[in-house]
């Protein structure tokens, strides 16, 4: 939960073929590992499994 809070306000930036793209994180979601919607490795929905 701490990481989710600290990500708000961060800027992600990438450059590809001379084009720079940036985005500002304005919202995050965090779930405890035991929450059925957390996508924790032991509780992945079938779509997330590789």
PDB file of N, CA and C in Angstrom:
ATOM      1  N   UNK A   1       0.820  -1.189   0.000  1.00  0.00           N
ATOM      2  CA  UNK A   1       0.000   0.000   0.000  1.00  0.00           C
ATOM      3  C   UNK A   1       0.868   1.259   0.000  1.00  0.00           C
ATOM      4  N   UNK A   2       2.036   1.165   0.626  1.00  0.00           N
ATOM      5  CA  UNK A   2       2.934   2.319   0.679  1.00  0.00           C
ATOM      6  C   UNK A   2       3.398   2.697  -0.722  1.00  0.00           C
ATOM      7  N   UNK A   3       3.755   1.709  -1.524  1.00  0.00           N
ATOM      8  CA  UNK A   3       4.243   1.982  -2.882  1.00  0.00           C
ATOM      9  C   UNK A   3       3.167   2.668  -3.714  1.00  0.00           C
ATOM     10  N   UNK A   4       1.937   2.210  -3.607  1.00  0.00           N
ATOM     11  CA  UNK A   4       0.846   2.816  -4.378  1.00  0.00           C
ATOM     12  C   UNK A   4       0.717   4.300  -4.054  1.00  0.00           C
ATOM     13  N   UNK A   5       0.829   4.649  -2.788  1.00  0.00           N
ATOM     14  CA  UNK A   5       0.726   6.060  -2.390  1.00  0.00           C
ATOM     15  C   UNK A   5       1.901   6.870  -2.935  1.00  0.00           C
ATOM     16  N   UNK A   6       3.099   6.271  -2.903  1.00  0.00           N
ATOM     17  CA  UNK A   6       4.294   6.996  -3.336  1.00  0.00           C
ATOM     18  C   UNK A   6       4.370   7.166  -4.852  1.00  0.00           C
ATOM     19  N   UNK A   7       3.651   6.355  -5.611  1.00  0.00           N
ATOM     20  CA  UNK A   7       3.662   6.478  -7.069  1.00  0.00           C
ATOM     21  C   UNK A   7       2.885   7.694  -7.570  1.00  0.00           C
ATOM     22  N   UNK A   8       1.884   8.123  -6.810  1.00  0.00           N
ATOM     23  CA  UNK A   8       1.086   9.286  -7.223  1.00  0.00           C
ATOM     24  C   UNK A   8       1.999  10.510  -7.306  1.00  0.00           C
ATOM     25  N   UNK A   9       1.953  11.177  -8.444  1.00  0.00           N
ATOM     26  CA  UNK A   9       2.789  12.349  -8.669  1.00  0.00           C
ATOM     27  C   UNK A   9       4.069  12.046  -9.429  1.00  0.00           C
ATOM     28  N   UNK A  10       4.394  10.770  -9.610  1.00  0.00           N
ATOM     29  CA  UNK A  10       5.590  10.394 -10.365  1.00  0.00           C
ATOM     30  C   UNK A  10       5.343  10.555 -11.862  1.00  0.00           C
ATOM     31  N   UNK A  11       6.414  10.818 -12.586  1.00  0.00           N
ATOM     32  CA  UNK A  11       6.343  10.956 -14.042  1.00  0.00           C
ATOM     33  C   UNK A  11       7.091   9.789 -14.669  1.00  0.00           C
ATOM     34  N   UNK A  12       6.449   9.117 -15.610  1.00  0.00           N
ATOM     35  CA  UNK A  12       7.090   8.066 -16.391  1.00  0.00           C
ATOM     36  C   UNK A  12       7.399   8.655 -17.759  1.00  0.00           C
ATOM     37  N   UNK A  13       8.601   8.357 -18.260  1.00  0.00           N
ATOM     38  CA  UNK A  13       9.001   8.941 -19.533  1.00  0.00           C
ATOM     39  C   UNK A  13       9.747   7.903 -20.359  1.00  0.00           C
ATOM     40  N   UNK A  14       9.496   7.900 -21.658  1.00  0.00           N
ATOM     41  CA  UNK A  14      10.185   7.000 -22.570  1.00  0.00           C
ATOM     42  C   UNK A  14      10.524   7.748 -23.847  1.00  0.00           C
ATOM     43  N   UNK A  15      11.533   7.246 -24.541  1.00  0.00           N
ATOM     44  CA  UNK A  15      11.892   7.824 -25.834  1.00  0.00           C
ATOM     45  C   UNK A  15      12.017   6.695 -26.838  1.00  0.00           C
ATOM     46  N   UNK A  16      11.379   6.847 -27.969  1.00  0.00           N
ATOM     47  CA  UNK A  16      11.440   5.855 -29.033  1.00  0.00           C
ATOM     48  C   UNK A  16      11.498   6.587 -30.364  1.00  0.00           C
ATOM     49  N   UNK A  17      12.520   6.325 -31.125  1.00  0.00           N
ATOM     50  CA  UNK A  17      12.716   6.969 -32.437  1.00  0.00           C
ATOM     51  C   UNK A  17      12.679   8.494 -32.343  1.00  0.00           C
ATOM     52  N   UNK A  18      13.272   9.035 -31.288  1.00  0.00           N
ATOM     53  CA  UNK A  18      13.338  10.481 -31.133  1.00  0.00           C
ATOM     54  C   UNK A  18      12.087  11.129 -30.567  1.00  0.00           C
ATOM     55  N   UNK A  19      11.045  10.363 -30.338  1.00  0.00           N
ATOM     56  CA  UNK A  19       9.803  10.901 -29.788  1.00  0.00           C
ATOM     57  C   UNK A  19       9.752  10.611 -28.290  1.00  0.00           C
ATOM     58  N   UNK A  20       9.663  11.657 -27.491  1.00  0.00           N
ATOM     59  CA  UNK A  20       9.593  11.511 -26.039  1.00  0.00           C
ATOM     60  C   UNK A  20       8.131  11.539 -25.613  1.00  0.00           C
ATOM     61  N   UNK A  21       7.750  10.551 -24.822  1.00  0.00           N
ATOM     62  CA  UNK A  21       6.392  10.477 -24.292  1.00  0.00           C
ATOM     63  C   UNK A  21       6.477  10.450 -22.774  1.00  0.00           C
ATOM     64  N   UNK A  22       5.662  11.256 -22.106  1.00  0.00           N
ATOM     65  CA  UNK A  22       5.652  11.314 -20.643  1.00  0.00           C
ATOM     66  C   UNK A  22       4.230  11.177 -20.139  1.00  0.00           C
ATOM     67  N   UNK A  23       4.110  10.646 -18.929  1.00  0.00           N
ATOM     68  CA  UNK A  23       2.803  10.621 -18.281  1.00  0.00           C
ATOM     69  C   UNK A  23       2.972  10.828 -16.795  1.00  0.00           C
ATOM     70  N   UNK A  24       1.971  11.420 -16.199  1.00  0.00           N
ATOM     71  CA  UNK A  24       1.944  11.701 -14.768  1.00  0.00           C
ATOM     72  C   UNK A  24       0.969  10.735 -14.114  1.00  0.00           C
ATOM     73  N   UNK A  25       1.424  10.021 -13.097  1.00  0.00           N
ATOM     74  CA  UNK A  25       0.539   9.106 -12.373  1.00  0.00           C
ATOM     75  C   UNK A  25      -0.310   9.933 -11.415  1.00  0.00           C
ATOM     76  N   UNK A  26      -1.616   9.885 -11.602  1.00  0.00           N
ATOM     77  CA  UNK A  26      -2.522  10.683 -10.777  1.00  0.00           C
ATOM     78  C   UNK A  26      -3.391   9.826  -9.868  1.00  0.00           C
ATOM     79  N   UNK A  27      -3.387   8.504 -10.088  1.00  0.00           N
ATOM     80  CA  UNK A  27      -4.244   7.632  -9.285  1.00  0.00           C
ATOM     81  C   UNK A  27      -3.664   6.221  -9.297  1.00  0.00           C
ATOM     82  N   UNK A  28      -3.752   5.526  -8.181  1.00  0.00           N
ATOM     83  CA  UNK A  28      -3.332   4.127  -8.106  1.00  0.00           C
ATOM     84  C   UNK A  28      -4.373   3.340  -7.325  1.00  0.00           C
ATOM     85  N   UNK A  29      -4.289   2.032  -7.432  1.00  0.00           N
ATOM     86  CA  UNK A  29      -5.124   1.141  -6.624  1.00  0.00           C
ATOM     87  C   UNK A  29      -4.205   0.135  -5.954  1.00  0.00           C
ATOM     88  N   UNK A  30      -4.544  -0.274  -4.761  1.00  0.00           N
ATOM     89  CA  UNK A  30      -3.753  -1.273  -4.049  1.00  0.00           C
ATOM     90  C   UNK A  30      -4.693  -2.198  -3.290  1.00  0.00           C
ATOM     91  N   UNK A  31      -4.357  -3.463  -3.308  1.00  0.00           N
ATOM     92  CA  UNK A  31      -5.156  -4.474  -2.620  1.00  0.00           C
ATOM     93  C   UNK A  31      -4.230  -5.329  -1.770  1.00  0.00           C
ATOM     94  N   UNK A  32      -4.664  -5.742  -0.590  1.00  0.00           N
ATOM     95  CA  UNK A  32      -3.850  -6.668   0.196  1.00  0.00           C
ATOM     96  C   UNK A  32      -3.778  -8.012  -0.534  1.00  0.00           C
ATOM     97  N   UNK A  33      -2.716  -8.771  -0.301  1.00  0.00           N
ATOM     98  CA  UNK A  33      -2.510 -10.034  -0.998  1.00  0.00           C
ATOM     99  C   UNK A  33      -3.630 -11.031  -0.849  1.00  0.00           C
ATOM    100  N   UNK A  34      -4.373 -10.977   0.229  1.00  0.00           N
ATOM    101  CA  UNK A  34      -5.453 -11.946   0.446  1.00  0.00           C
ATOM    102  C   UNK A  34      -6.750 -11.547  -0.256  1.00  0.00           C
ATOM    103  N   UNK A  35      -6.809 -10.350  -0.823  1.00  0.00           N
ATOM    104  CA  UNK A  35      -8.013  -9.899  -1.525  1.00  0.00           C
ATOM    105  C   UNK A  35      -8.159 -10.676  -2.833  1.00  0.00           C
ATOM    106  N   UNK A  36      -9.351 -11.197  -3.147  1.00  0.00           N
ATOM    107  CA  UNK A  36      -9.517 -11.997  -4.365  1.00  0.00           C
ATOM    108  C   UNK A  36      -9.240 -11.228  -5.657  1.00  0.00           C
ATOM    109  N   UNK A  37      -9.232  -9.907  -5.627  1.00  0.00           N
ATOM    110  CA  UNK A  37      -8.974  -9.111  -6.829  1.00  0.00           C
ATOM    111  C   UNK A  37      -7.550  -8.567  -6.885  1.00  0.00           C
ATOM    112  N   UNK A  38      -6.674  -9.052  -6.010  1.00  0.00           N
ATOM    113  CA  UNK A  38      -5.332  -8.485  -5.914  1.00  0.00           C
ATOM    114  C   UNK A  38      -4.387  -8.944  -7.012  1.00  0.00           C
ATOM    115  N   UNK A  39      -4.685 -10.005  -7.742  1.00  0.00           N
ATOM    116  CA  UNK A  39      -3.800 -10.575  -8.766  1.00  0.00           C
ATOM    117  C   UNK A  39      -2.489 -11.045  -8.161  1.00  0.00           C
ATOM    118  N   UNK A  40      -2.480 -11.326  -6.878  1.00  0.00           N
ATOM    119  CA  UNK A  40      -1.315 -11.889  -6.209  1.00  0.00           C
ATOM    120  C   UNK A  40      -0.985 -13.210  -6.899  1.00  0.00           C
ATOM    121  N   UNK A  41       0.293 -13.575  -7.041  1.00  0.00           N
ATOM    122  CA  UNK A  41       0.655 -14.770  -7.819  1.00  0.00           C
ATOM    123  C   UNK A  41      -0.132 -16.044  -7.507  1.00  0.00           C
ATOM    124  N   UNK A  42      -0.542 -16.245  -6.277  1.00  0.00           N
ATOM    125  CA  UNK A  42      -1.297 -17.458  -5.959  1.00  0.00           C
ATOM    126  C   UNK A  42      -2.778 -17.310  -6.280  1.00  0.00           C
ATOM    127  N   UNK A  43      -3.188 -16.123  -6.703  1.00  0.00           N
ATOM    128  CA  UNK A  43      -4.611 -15.873  -6.932  1.00  0.00           C
ATOM    129  C   UNK A  43      -4.833 -15.175  -8.276  1.00  0.00           C
ATOM    130  N   UNK A  44      -4.105 -15.614  -9.302  1.00  0.00           N
ATOM    131  CA  UNK A  44      -4.223 -14.953 -10.596  1.00  0.00           C
ATOM    132  C   UNK A  44      -5.437 -15.455 -11.356  1.00  0.00           C
ATOM    133  N   UNK A  45      -6.151 -14.535 -11.987  1.00  0.00           N
ATOM    134  CA  UNK A  45      -7.244 -14.975 -12.854  1.00  0.00           C
ATOM    135  C   UNK A  45      -6.645 -15.679 -14.072  1.00  0.00           C
ATOM    136  N   UNK A  46      -7.391 -16.527 -14.751  1.00  0.00           N
ATOM    137  CA  UNK A  46      -6.843 -17.290 -15.879  1.00  0.00           C
ATOM    138  C   UNK A  46      -6.177 -16.427 -16.953  1.00  0.00           C
ATOM    139  N   UNK A  47      -6.623 -15.208 -17.151  1.00  0.00           N
ATOM    140  CA  UNK A  47      -6.058 -14.348 -18.192  1.00  0.00           C
ATOM    141  C   UNK A  47      -4.636 -13.931 -17.850  1.00  0.00           C
ATOM    142  N   UNK A  48      -4.324 -13.793 -16.573  1.00  0.00           N
ATOM    143  CA  UNK A  48      -3.016 -13.302 -16.159  1.00  0.00           C
ATOM    144  C   UNK A  48      -1.963 -14.405 -16.106  1.00  0.00           C
ATOM    145  N   UNK A  49      -2.356 -15.660 -16.176  1.00  0.00           N
ATOM    146  CA  UNK A  49      -1.391 -16.755 -16.102  1.00  0.00           C
ATOM    147  C   UNK A  49      -0.642 -16.889 -17.416  1.00  0.00           C
ATOM    148  N   UNK A  50       0.648 -17.185 -17.334  1.00  0.00           N
ATOM    149  CA  UNK A  50       1.465 -17.371 -18.547  1.00  0.00           C
ATOM    150  C   UNK A  50       1.781 -18.835 -18.762  1.00  0.00           C
TER     151      UNK A  50
END
